[in-house]
Amino acid sequence: MTDRARAHVFVSGKVQGVYYRANTRDTAQEKGVDGWVQNLSDGRVEAVFEGPESVVNEMVKWCHTGSPAANVDNVEVECGEPEGEDGFRIRR
């Protein structure tokens, strides 16, 4: 699968306590994207998406809005080589 891409994102704003992680997981699973999402101690949410480049790009775009209760200020994206994520999970 040469079309596989990886995006490592950091989302800031009101993104904790608003079901951002659960919505990210559900959306990623619907789209068939692998990876994970977790809260950071500084109030941001961190996520990794792996899958077809077009779908990974859709997830990055989705992060700018996120869950309905979220208020996203910024999304930082670092692209890299896929590391073989399998499935999508919430890290605690």
N, C-alpha and C. Protein backbone atom coordinates (compact mmCIF):
# COMPACT_ATOMS: atom_id res chain seq x y z
N MET A 1 0.84 -1.18 0.00
CA MET A 1 0.00 0.00 0.00
C MET A 1 0.88 1.25 0.00
N THR A 2 1.19 1.74 -1.15
CA THR A 2 2.06 2.90 -1.26
C THR A 2 1.31 4.21 -1.01
N ASP A 3 -0.02 4.14 -0.99
CA ASP A 3 -0.83 5.34 -0.81
C ASP A 3 -1.03 5.67 0.67
N ARG A 4 -0.38 4.91 1.54
CA ARG A 4 -0.59 5.09 2.99
C ARG A 4 0.19 6.30 3.50
N ALA A 5 -0.48 7.11 4.32
CA ALA A 5 0.12 8.32 4.86
C ALA A 5 -0.06 8.34 6.38
N ARG A 6 0.71 9.22 7.04
CA ARG A 6 0.62 9.38 8.49
C ARG A 6 0.61 10.86 8.83
N ALA A 7 -0.34 11.25 9.68
CA ALA A 7 -0.39 12.62 10.18
C ALA A 7 -0.42 12.57 11.71
N HIS A 8 0.44 13.36 12.33
CA HIS A 8 0.51 13.48 13.78
C HIS A 8 0.02 14.89 14.10
N VAL A 9 -1.11 14.99 14.80
CA VAL A 9 -1.74 16.30 15.00
C VAL A 9 -1.83 16.66 16.47
N PHE A 10 -1.74 17.97 16.72
CA PHE A 10 -1.91 18.54 18.05
C PHE A 10 -3.00 19.60 17.94
N VAL A 11 -4.08 19.42 18.70
CA VAL A 11 -5.23 20.30 18.61
C VAL A 11 -5.35 21.11 19.90
N SER A 12 -5.41 22.43 19.76
CA SER A 12 -5.55 23.27 20.95
C SER A 12 -6.87 24.04 20.91
N GLY A 13 -7.29 24.50 22.08
CA GLY A 13 -8.56 25.18 22.25
C GLY A 13 -9.36 24.48 23.33
N LYS A 14 -10.67 24.62 23.27
CA LYS A 14 -11.53 23.90 24.21
C LYS A 14 -11.79 22.52 23.61
N VAL A 15 -10.86 21.60 23.88
CA VAL A 15 -10.93 20.28 23.25
C VAL A 15 -10.89 19.13 24.26
N GLN A 16 -10.86 19.46 25.55
CA GLN A 16 -10.95 18.42 26.57
C GLN A 16 -12.25 18.59 27.33
N GLY A 17 -12.88 17.46 27.69
CA GLY A 17 -14.15 17.49 28.39
C GLY A 17 -15.33 17.78 27.49
N VAL A 18 -15.13 17.65 26.17
CA VAL A 18 -16.21 17.92 25.20
C VAL A 18 -16.39 16.75 24.22
N TYR A 19 -15.96 15.57 24.65
CA TYR A 19 -16.07 14.35 23.84
C TYR A 19 -15.26 14.41 22.55
N TYR A 20 -14.21 15.20 22.55
CA TYR A 20 -13.38 15.33 21.34
C TYR A 20 -12.73 13.99 21.00
N ARG A 21 -12.17 13.31 22.01
CA ARG A 21 -11.51 12.02 21.73
C ARG A 21 -12.49 10.99 21.21
N ALA A 22 -13.65 10.88 21.85
CA ALA A 22 -14.64 9.88 21.43
C ALA A 22 -15.14 10.17 20.01
N ASN A 23 -15.38 11.43 19.71
CA ASN A 23 -15.82 11.80 18.36
C ASN A 23 -14.72 11.54 17.34
N THR A 24 -13.47 11.80 17.72
CA THR A 24 -12.34 11.51 16.82
C THR A 24 -12.27 10.02 16.54
N ARG A 25 -12.37 9.20 17.59
CA ARG A 25 -12.33 7.74 17.41
C ARG A 25 -13.45 7.28 16.50
N ASP A 26 -14.68 7.74 16.77
CA ASP A 26 -15.83 7.29 15.98
C ASP A 26 -15.68 7.69 14.51
N THR A 27 -15.23 8.92 14.27
CA THR A 27 -15.07 9.41 12.89
C THR A 27 -13.97 8.63 12.18
N ALA A 28 -12.85 8.40 12.88
CA ALA A 28 -11.74 7.64 12.28
C ALA A 28 -12.17 6.22 11.95
N GLN A 29 -12.92 5.60 12.85
CA GLN A 29 -13.38 4.23 12.59
C GLN A 29 -14.35 4.18 11.42
N GLU A 30 -15.23 5.18 11.31
CA GLU A 30 -16.17 5.25 10.18
C GLU A 30 -15.41 5.35 8.86
N LYS A 31 -14.30 6.11 8.86
CA LYS A 31 -13.53 6.34 7.64
C LYS A 31 -12.48 5.26 7.40
N GLY A 32 -12.30 4.34 8.36
CA GLY A 32 -11.32 3.27 8.20
C GLY A 32 -9.88 3.72 8.41
N VAL A 33 -9.70 4.73 9.25
CA VAL A 33 -8.36 5.25 9.54
C VAL A 33 -7.82 4.58 10.79
N ASP A 34 -6.54 4.24 10.79
CA ASP A 34 -5.87 3.65 11.95
C ASP A 34 -5.19 4.74 12.75
N GLY A 35 -4.90 4.45 14.03
CA GLY A 35 -4.17 5.40 14.86
C GLY A 35 -4.69 5.47 16.27
N TRP A 36 -4.53 6.64 16.89
CA TRP A 36 -4.93 6.83 18.28
C TRP A 36 -5.14 8.31 18.58
N VAL A 37 -5.78 8.58 19.73
CA VAL A 37 -6.01 9.95 20.19
C VAL A 37 -5.87 9.96 21.71
N GLN A 38 -5.34 11.06 22.26
CA GLN A 38 -5.21 11.17 23.71
C GLN A 38 -5.21 12.63 24.14
N ASN A 39 -5.57 12.85 25.42
CA ASN A 39 -5.46 14.17 26.01
C ASN A 39 -4.03 14.39 26.47
N LEU A 40 -3.56 15.63 26.39
CA LEU A 40 -2.25 16.00 26.92
C LEU A 40 -2.45 16.84 28.18
N SER A 41 -1.46 16.84 29.05
CA SER A 41 -1.57 17.56 30.33
C SER A 41 -1.66 19.07 30.15
N ASP A 42 -1.25 19.58 28.97
CA ASP A 42 -1.32 21.03 28.73
C ASP A 42 -2.66 21.49 28.15
N GLY A 43 -3.64 20.58 28.08
CA GLY A 43 -4.97 20.94 27.60
C GLY A 43 -5.21 20.66 26.14
N ARG A 44 -4.16 20.26 25.41
CA ARG A 44 -4.33 19.93 23.99
C ARG A 44 -4.75 18.47 23.84
N VAL A 45 -5.17 18.12 22.62
CA VAL A 45 -5.42 16.74 22.24
C VAL A 45 -4.40 16.38 21.17
N GLU A 46 -3.82 15.19 21.30
CA GLU A 46 -2.83 14.68 20.34
C GLU A 46 -3.44 13.47 19.65
N ALA A 47 -3.22 13.37 18.34
CA ALA A 47 -3.74 12.21 17.60
C ALA A 47 -2.79 11.84 16.47
N VAL A 48 -2.85 10.57 16.10
CA VAL A 48 -2.12 10.06 14.94
C VAL A 48 -3.14 9.37 14.04
N PHE A 49 -3.07 9.69 12.75
CA PHE A 49 -3.94 9.07 11.75
C PHE A 49 -3.07 8.40 10.70
N GLU A 50 -3.38 7.14 10.38
CA GLU A 50 -2.70 6.44 9.29
C GLU A 50 -3.75 5.81 8.39
N GLY A 51 -3.50 5.90 7.08
CA GLY A 51 -4.40 5.30 6.11
C GLY A 51 -4.14 5.92 4.75
N PRO A 52 -5.08 5.73 3.81
CA PRO A 52 -4.93 6.35 2.50
C PRO A 52 -4.80 7.87 2.66
N GLU A 53 -3.91 8.47 1.88
CA GLU A 53 -3.61 9.89 2.03
C GLU A 53 -4.85 10.77 2.01
N SER A 54 -5.78 10.50 1.11
CA SER A 54 -6.98 11.35 1.00
C SER A 54 -7.82 11.27 2.27
N VAL A 55 -7.90 10.09 2.88
CA VAL A 55 -8.71 9.92 4.09
C VAL A 55 -8.00 10.53 5.30
N VAL A 56 -6.69 10.39 5.36
CA VAL A 56 -5.92 11.02 6.44
C VAL A 56 -6.11 12.54 6.36
N ASN A 57 -6.08 13.09 5.15
CA ASN A 57 -6.30 14.53 4.98
C ASN A 57 -7.71 14.93 5.44
N GLU A 58 -8.71 14.07 5.18
CA GLU A 58 -10.06 14.34 5.66
C GLU A 58 -10.10 14.41 7.18
N MET A 59 -9.37 13.51 7.85
CA MET A 59 -9.35 13.51 9.32
C MET A 59 -8.67 14.77 9.86
N VAL A 60 -7.59 15.19 9.21
CA VAL A 60 -6.91 16.41 9.64
C VAL A 60 -7.86 17.60 9.50
N LYS A 61 -8.57 17.65 8.38
CA LYS A 61 -9.55 18.73 8.17
C LYS A 61 -10.65 18.67 9.23
N TRP A 62 -11.11 17.46 9.53
CA TRP A 62 -12.15 17.26 10.55
C TRP A 62 -11.70 17.82 11.90
N CYS A 63 -10.43 17.68 12.23
CA CYS A 63 -9.89 18.12 13.53
C CYS A 63 -10.09 19.62 13.75
N HIS A 64 -10.18 20.40 12.68
CA HIS A 64 -10.37 21.85 12.82
C HIS A 64 -11.73 22.20 13.42
N THR A 65 -12.68 21.27 13.35
CA THR A 65 -13.99 21.46 13.96
C THR A 65 -14.15 20.52 15.14
N GLY A 66 -13.90 19.22 14.89
CA GLY A 66 -13.97 18.23 15.95
C GLY A 66 -15.38 18.00 16.44
N SER A 67 -15.50 17.71 17.73
CA SER A 67 -16.81 17.42 18.30
C SER A 67 -17.67 18.69 18.35
N PRO A 68 -18.99 18.52 18.35
CA PRO A 68 -19.88 19.69 18.33
C PRO A 68 -19.64 20.68 19.47
N ALA A 69 -19.22 20.21 20.64
CA ALA A 69 -19.03 21.09 21.80
C ALA A 69 -17.63 21.71 21.85
N ALA A 70 -16.74 21.29 20.95
CA ALA A 70 -15.36 21.79 20.97
C ALA A 70 -15.28 23.19 20.37
N ASN A 71 -14.23 23.90 20.76
CA ASN A 71 -13.92 25.20 20.18
C ASN A 71 -12.42 25.17 19.86
N VAL A 72 -12.10 24.78 18.62
CA VAL A 72 -10.71 24.57 18.22
C VAL A 72 -10.05 25.90 17.87
N ASP A 73 -8.89 26.16 18.49
CA ASP A 73 -8.11 27.36 18.19
C ASP A 73 -7.05 27.11 17.12
N ASN A 74 -6.41 25.93 17.19
CA ASN A 74 -5.29 25.67 16.29
C ASN A 74 -5.10 24.17 16.11
N VAL A 75 -4.65 23.77 14.92
CA VAL A 75 -4.29 22.38 14.63
C VAL A 75 -2.90 22.38 14.02
N GLU A 76 -1.95 21.75 14.71
CA GLU A 76 -0.59 21.59 14.19
C GLU A 76 -0.49 20.20 13.59
N VAL A 77 0.11 20.09 12.42
CA VAL A 77 0.20 18.80 11.73
C VAL A 77 1.64 18.50 11.38
N GLU A 78 2.08 17.30 11.71
CA GLU A 78 3.40 16.81 11.31
C GLU A 78 3.16 15.55 10.49
N CYS A 79 3.61 15.55 9.24
CA CYS A 79 3.45 14.38 8.39
C CYS A 79 4.72 13.53 8.48
N GLY A 80 4.53 12.21 8.39
CA GLY A 80 5.68 11.31 8.46
C GLY A 80 5.37 9.99 7.80
N GLU A 81 6.33 9.09 7.90
CA GLU A 81 6.17 7.76 7.33
C GLU A 81 5.25 6.93 8.23
N PRO A 82 4.33 6.17 7.63
CA PRO A 82 3.45 5.30 8.43
C PRO A 82 4.26 4.32 9.27
N GLU A 83 3.76 4.05 10.48
CA GLU A 83 4.46 3.16 11.41
C GLU A 83 3.69 1.87 11.66
N GLY A 84 2.63 1.64 10.88
CA GLY A 84 1.89 0.38 10.99
C GLY A 84 0.81 0.35 12.06
N GLU A 85 0.20 1.50 12.33
CA GLU A 85 -0.93 1.52 13.27
C GLU A 85 -2.01 0.57 12.77
N ASP A 86 -2.70 -0.09 13.69
CA ASP A 86 -3.74 -1.04 13.32
C ASP A 86 -4.95 -0.80 14.21
N GLY A 87 -6.06 -0.35 13.62
CA GLY A 87 -7.23 -0.01 14.40
C GLY A 87 -7.10 1.40 14.94
N PHE A 88 -8.15 1.90 15.57
CA PHE A 88 -8.09 3.24 16.15
C PHE A 88 -8.56 3.16 17.59
N ARG A 89 -7.79 3.78 18.49
CA ARG A 89 -8.12 3.68 19.91
C ARG A 89 -7.89 5.01 20.63
N ILE A 90 -8.53 5.12 21.79
CA ILE A 90 -8.29 6.25 22.69
C ILE A 90 -7.22 5.82 23.67
N ARG A 91 -6.13 6.57 23.72
CA ARG A 91 -5.10 6.32 24.72
C ARG A 91 -5.47 7.07 25.99
N ARG A 92 -5.25 6.46 27.13
CA ARG A 92 -5.58 7.10 28.40
C ARG A 92 -4.32 7.38 29.18
